[in-house]
Amino acid sequence: MSSISCMISSSSSTFLASSSFSSRTRNACLPMAKRVNTCKCVATPQDKIEYKTNVSRNSNMSKLQAGYLFPEIARRRSAHLLKYPDAQIISLGIGDTTEPIPEVITSAMANKAHELSTVEGYSGYGAEQGAKVMFGSNVTVAVQDPSYPAYVDSSVIMGQTGQFNTDVQKYGNIEYMRCTPENGFFPDLSTVSRTDIIFFCSPNNPTGAAATREQLTQLVGFAKKNGSIIVYDSAYAVYMSEDNPRSIFEIPGAEDDD
């Protein structure tokens, strides 16, 4: 008898002694008859090992409501197509277009994507993913009303809110700052209670209202007076054509830590 060295995988380990094989893929010495030039390895079925986790579910998840609009839009679109299968729907859902994207846009996207392959052009994901968790759950939150639902939903998941009140369709422990045509889509700060965190989006989603320099100056003054932190979302700033601030840091005092 002679031997041959070959690579085998962990799935074939059951027919080898523990001394000649580990759970990782390694070199093993297998017996081979002199008159046979091939090595036939037959694996026997392994015992099935089941693992169970002991991770508790985030109880705050049960408080979530159907606040995110796009799943509801998708449900209504499906229901409409079921009733009217020949309907020609122009979808304006999230990340969804019915018509081809113009070449000027795809070219700009391709150029921007190419920049990510360079050290100078790569920016990573920034601090967005950690902005929510760095405050913890023992804080109070204020949001524009209406506002992008992710601000409220993320606060619910973090345990920063109370229960959902079906009568008023709002969560407890959240200050809803009404933004209506009557107040120019900017909240009357004299009626807003003090909170630890203020989520503010300009231009706003879904109203599209962009706060003026005077309005943001009021907001910064309000936050400094109450010791609040402004989480400013300027995702749509590139769409502004007027002389509205593109960033909260254009306002004097916004960068102060007091």
Protein backbone atom coordinates (compact mmCIF):
# COMPACT_ATOMS: atom_id res chain seq x y z
CA MET A 1 0.00 0.00 0.00
CA SER A 2 1.15 3.52 -0.73
CA SER A 3 -0.46 6.83 0.04
CA ILE A 4 -1.52 9.97 -1.75
CA SER A 5 -1.97 13.47 -0.35
CA CYS A 6 -5.07 15.37 -1.45
CA MET A 7 -7.36 18.18 -0.37
CA ILE A 8 -10.70 17.20 1.15
CA SER A 9 -13.54 19.27 2.54
CA SER A 10 -15.10 19.13 5.98
CA SER A 11 -18.14 17.37 4.53
CA SER A 12 -15.99 14.28 3.97
CA SER A 13 -14.48 14.24 7.44
CA THR A 14 -16.65 11.51 8.92
CA PHE A 15 -14.67 8.68 7.40
CA LEU A 16 -11.35 9.96 8.75
CA ALA A 17 -9.99 9.64 12.23
CA SER A 18 -10.06 12.82 14.28
CA SER A 19 -6.29 12.77 14.49
CA SER A 20 -5.91 13.11 10.72
CA PHE A 21 -8.55 15.73 10.00
CA SER A 22 -9.92 18.88 11.58
CA SER A 23 -13.07 20.89 10.92
CA ARG A 24 -11.13 23.07 8.51
CA THR A 25 -10.00 21.90 5.06
CA ARG A 26 -6.51 20.41 5.39
CA ASN A 27 -4.08 18.01 3.73
CA ALA A 28 -4.90 14.40 4.61
CA CYS A 29 -3.06 11.17 3.87
CA LEU A 30 -5.39 8.55 2.36
CA PRO A 31 -4.60 4.85 1.80
CA MET A 32 -4.37 3.73 -1.84
CA ALA A 33 -3.81 0.28 -3.36
CA LYS A 34 -0.65 -0.06 -5.46
CA ARG A 35 -2.48 -1.47 -8.46
CA VAL A 36 -5.12 1.25 -8.50
CA ASN A 37 -4.24 4.73 -9.68
CA THR A 38 -7.33 6.48 -8.30
CA CYS A 39 -8.44 7.28 -4.80
CA LYS A 40 -12.14 6.86 -4.06
CA CYS A 41 -13.45 8.66 -0.98
CA VAL A 42 -16.91 7.80 0.26
CA ALA A 43 -18.41 10.07 2.92
CA THR A 44 -20.98 8.78 5.37
CA PRO A 45 -23.89 10.97 6.48
CA GLN A 46 -23.06 13.23 9.40
CA ASP A 47 -25.26 13.74 12.40
CA LYS A 48 -27.41 16.84 11.99
CA ILE A 49 -26.56 19.49 14.56
CA GLU A 50 -29.18 22.12 15.30
CA TYR A 51 -28.36 25.47 16.86
CA LYS A 52 -30.85 27.77 18.50
CA THR A 53 -30.36 31.42 19.32
CA ASN A 54 -31.41 33.02 22.54
CA VAL A 55 -31.71 36.62 21.34
CA SER A 56 -34.71 38.52 22.61
CA ARG A 57 -36.87 40.31 20.06
CA ASN A 58 -36.89 44.09 20.16
CA SER A 59 -40.24 44.72 21.82
CA ASN A 60 -40.43 48.16 20.22
CA MET A 61 -40.98 46.55 16.82
CA SER A 62 -44.53 45.66 17.83
CA LYS A 63 -45.33 49.39 18.16
CA LEU A 64 -44.62 50.13 14.50
CA GLN A 65 -47.58 51.17 12.39
CA ALA A 66 -47.97 51.43 8.61
CA GLY A 67 -46.20 54.77 8.57
CA TYR A 68 -43.93 54.09 5.61
CA LEU A 69 -45.91 55.11 2.54
CA PHE A 70 -44.32 53.05 -0.20
CA PRO A 71 -45.52 49.58 0.91
CA GLU A 72 -49.04 51.02 1.09
CA ILE A 73 -48.63 52.51 -2.40
CA ALA A 74 -47.48 49.11 -3.68
CA ARG A 75 -50.50 47.40 -2.10
CA ARG A 76 -52.91 49.87 -3.68
CA ARG A 77 -51.22 49.55 -7.06
CA SER A 78 -51.51 45.75 -6.92
CA ALA A 79 -55.17 45.99 -5.90
CA HIS A 80 -55.86 48.40 -8.77
CA LEU A 81 -54.17 46.12 -11.31
CA LEU A 82 -56.11 43.17 -9.98
CA LYS A 83 -59.34 45.07 -10.59
CA TYR A 84 -58.21 46.74 -13.83
CA PRO A 85 -55.57 44.44 -15.37
CA ASP A 86 -55.30 46.55 -18.54
CA ALA A 87 -54.56 49.78 -16.66
CA GLN A 88 -51.42 51.62 -17.79
CA ILE A 89 -49.95 52.73 -14.46
CA ILE A 90 -47.12 55.24 -14.29
CA SER A 91 -45.30 54.21 -11.14
CA LEU A 92 -43.74 56.94 -9.03
CA GLY A 93 -42.83 54.64 -6.16
CA ILE A 94 -39.48 54.66 -4.37
CA GLY A 95 -36.59 53.84 -6.69
CA ASP A 96 -39.06 52.92 -9.42
CA THR A 97 -39.54 54.42 -12.86
CA THR A 98 -41.85 53.44 -15.68
CA GLU A 99 -39.90 55.10 -18.49
CA PRO A 100 -36.17 54.70 -19.29
CA ILE A 101 -33.79 56.98 -17.42
CA PRO A 102 -32.40 59.78 -19.67
CA GLU A 103 -28.81 59.32 -20.83
CA VAL A 104 -27.68 62.56 -19.22
CA ILE A 105 -28.63 61.07 -15.84
CA THR A 106 -27.16 57.60 -16.41
CA SER A 107 -23.90 59.16 -17.65
CA ALA A 108 -23.64 61.32 -14.54
CA MET A 109 -24.36 58.28 -12.36
CA ALA A 110 -21.66 56.26 -14.17
CA ASN A 111 -19.09 59.04 -13.73
CA LYS A 112 -19.93 59.37 -10.06
CA ALA A 113 -19.69 55.61 -9.55
CA HIS A 114 -16.27 55.60 -11.23
CA GLU A 115 -15.05 58.15 -8.68
CA LEU A 116 -15.66 55.57 -5.94
CA SER A 117 -12.77 53.52 -7.34
CA THR A 118 -10.30 56.21 -6.29
CA VAL A 119 -9.08 57.20 -2.86
CA GLU A 120 -10.07 60.80 -3.53
CA GLY A 121 -13.57 59.92 -4.69
CA TYR A 122 -14.53 57.28 -2.14
CA SER A 123 -16.59 58.76 0.67
CA GLY A 124 -18.00 55.68 2.44
CA TYR A 125 -21.34 55.83 4.17
CA GLY A 126 -20.60 58.70 6.51
CA ALA A 127 -22.23 58.99 9.92
CA GLU A 128 -25.81 58.40 8.80
CA GLN A 129 -25.99 54.81 10.04
CA GLY A 130 -24.85 55.76 13.54
CA ALA A 131 -26.79 59.00 13.99
CA LYS A 132 -29.83 57.28 15.47
CA VAL A 133 -28.12 54.94 17.91
CA MET A 134 -25.70 57.44 19.44
CA PHE A 135 -28.50 59.15 21.38
CA GLY A 136 -29.88 56.06 23.15
CA SER A 137 -33.50 55.49 24.08
CA ASN A 138 -33.87 57.89 27.00
CA VAL A 139 -34.45 61.02 24.88
CA THR A 140 -37.40 63.04 23.63
CA VAL A 141 -37.88 63.71 19.93
CA ALA A 142 -39.52 66.41 17.78
CA VAL A 143 -40.37 65.98 14.10
CA GLN A 144 -42.00 68.07 11.41
CA ASP A 145 -45.60 67.10 10.71
CA PRO A 146 -45.80 65.95 7.97
CA SER A 147 -42.33 64.51 7.60
CA TYR A 148 -40.47 61.58 6.12
CA PRO A 149 -41.74 58.55 8.11
CA ALA A 150 -38.26 57.13 8.74
CA TYR A 151 -37.60 59.70 11.50
CA VAL A 152 -40.55 58.47 13.54
CA ASP A 153 -40.14 54.79 12.71
CA SER A 154 -36.46 54.75 13.66
CA SER A 155 -37.30 56.51 16.93
CA VAL A 156 -39.94 53.87 17.64
CA ILE A 157 -37.46 51.06 17.03
CA MET A 158 -34.91 52.75 19.31
CA GLY A 159 -37.47 52.92 22.12
CA GLN A 160 -37.60 56.71 22.11
CA THR A 161 -41.39 56.91 21.83
CA GLY A 162 -44.47 55.89 23.73
CA GLN A 163 -47.34 53.77 22.46
CA PHE A 164 -49.29 54.62 19.32
CA ASN A 165 -52.54 56.47 19.98
CA THR A 166 -55.08 55.31 17.40
CA ASP A 167 -57.45 58.18 18.22
CA VAL A 168 -55.01 60.87 17.11
CA GLN A 169 -52.78 58.62 14.95
CA LYS A 170 -49.65 59.70 16.77
CA TYR A 171 -47.03 58.23 19.11
CA GLY A 172 -46.56 59.32 22.68
CA ASN A 173 -43.35 61.10 23.70
CA ILE A 174 -42.97 62.68 20.24
CA GLU A 175 -43.47 66.39 19.66
CA TYR A 176 -45.19 66.79 16.30
CA MET A 177 -44.39 70.24 14.87
CA ARG A 178 -47.28 71.12 12.56
CA CYS A 179 -46.19 72.43 9.14
CA THR A 180 -49.17 73.63 7.12
CA PRO A 181 -49.94 76.12 4.33
CA GLU A 182 -51.28 78.45 7.03
CA ASN A 183 -47.89 78.74 8.76
CA GLY A 184 -45.80 78.58 5.58
CA PHE A 185 -44.85 74.96 6.32
CA PHE A 186 -42.65 76.14 9.20
CA PRO A 187 -43.72 75.29 12.76
CA ASP A 188 -44.80 77.88 15.29
CA LEU A 189 -41.93 77.31 17.70
CA SER A 190 -43.72 79.19 20.48
CA THR A 191 -46.10 76.23 20.76
CA VAL A 192 -43.43 73.52 20.56
CA SER A 193 -42.34 71.82 23.77
CA ARG A 194 -38.69 71.34 24.61
CA THR A 195 -37.14 68.07 23.33
CA ASP A 196 -33.65 66.58 23.31
CA ILE A 197 -33.62 65.93 19.56
CA ILE A 198 -35.17 67.92 16.70
CA PHE A 199 -35.39 66.19 13.32
CA PHE A 200 -35.64 68.82 10.61
CA CYS A 201 -35.63 68.31 6.84
CA SER A 202 -35.22 71.13 4.32
CA PRO A 203 -36.42 70.96 1.62
CA ASN A 204 -39.06 68.96 3.42
CA ASN A 205 -40.30 65.57 2.33
CA PRO A 206 -43.17 65.39 1.45
CA THR A 207 -44.16 69.09 1.26
CA GLY A 208 -41.09 70.31 -0.65
CA ALA A 209 -40.95 73.47 1.48
CA ALA A 210 -37.45 74.90 1.91
CA ALA A 211 -36.79 76.86 5.10
CA THR A 212 -35.55 80.42 4.72
CA ARG A 213 -32.48 81.82 6.43
CA GLU A 214 -34.71 83.68 8.90
CA GLN A 215 -36.66 80.52 9.73
CA LEU A 216 -33.54 78.44 10.31
CA THR A 217 -32.13 81.23 12.48
CA GLN A 218 -35.27 80.90 14.62
CA LEU A 219 -34.79 77.13 14.77
CA VAL A 220 -31.16 77.39 15.85
CA GLY A 221 -32.06 79.95 18.51
CA PHE A 222 -34.86 77.70 19.76
CA ALA A 223 -32.51 74.72 19.97
CA LYS A 224 -29.79 76.67 21.79
CA LYS A 225 -32.32 78.05 24.27
CA ASN A 226 -33.61 74.56 25.09
CA GLY A 227 -30.35 72.65 24.84
CA SER A 228 -31.67 70.59 21.92
CA ILE A 229 -29.68 68.85 19.19
CA ILE A 230 -30.82 69.44 15.60
CA VAL A 231 -30.52 66.45 13.26
CA TYR A 232 -30.67 68.26 9.93
CA ASP A 233 -31.58 66.37 6.75
CA SER A 234 -30.58 68.24 3.59
CA ALA A 235 -30.90 65.31 1.18
CA TYR A 236 -32.78 67.45 -1.35
CA ALA A 237 -30.71 70.61 -1.08
CA VAL A 238 -29.38 70.26 -4.64
CA TYR A 239 -32.89 70.85 -5.97
CA MET A 240 -33.18 74.33 -4.46
CA SER A 241 -32.93 77.18 -6.93
CA GLU A 242 -33.53 80.08 -4.56
CA ASP A 243 -31.17 81.54 -1.97
CA ASN A 244 -32.22 79.20 0.82
CA PRO A 245 -29.52 77.74 3.08
CA ARG A 246 -28.26 74.38 1.84
CA SER A 247 -27.03 73.47 5.31
CA ILE A 248 -27.93 74.31 8.89
CA PHE A 249 -24.27 75.24 9.38
CA GLU A 250 -24.82 78.34 7.27
CA ILE A 251 -26.64 79.75 10.29
CA PRO A 252 -24.44 81.49 12.89
CA GLY A 253 -24.29 79.51 16.13
CA ALA A 254 -25.44 76.22 14.61
CA GLU A 255 -22.06 74.61 15.21
CA ASP A 256 -21.89 75.64 18.86
CA ASP A 257 -21.91 72.77 21.35
CA ASP A 258 -23.65 74.70 24.12
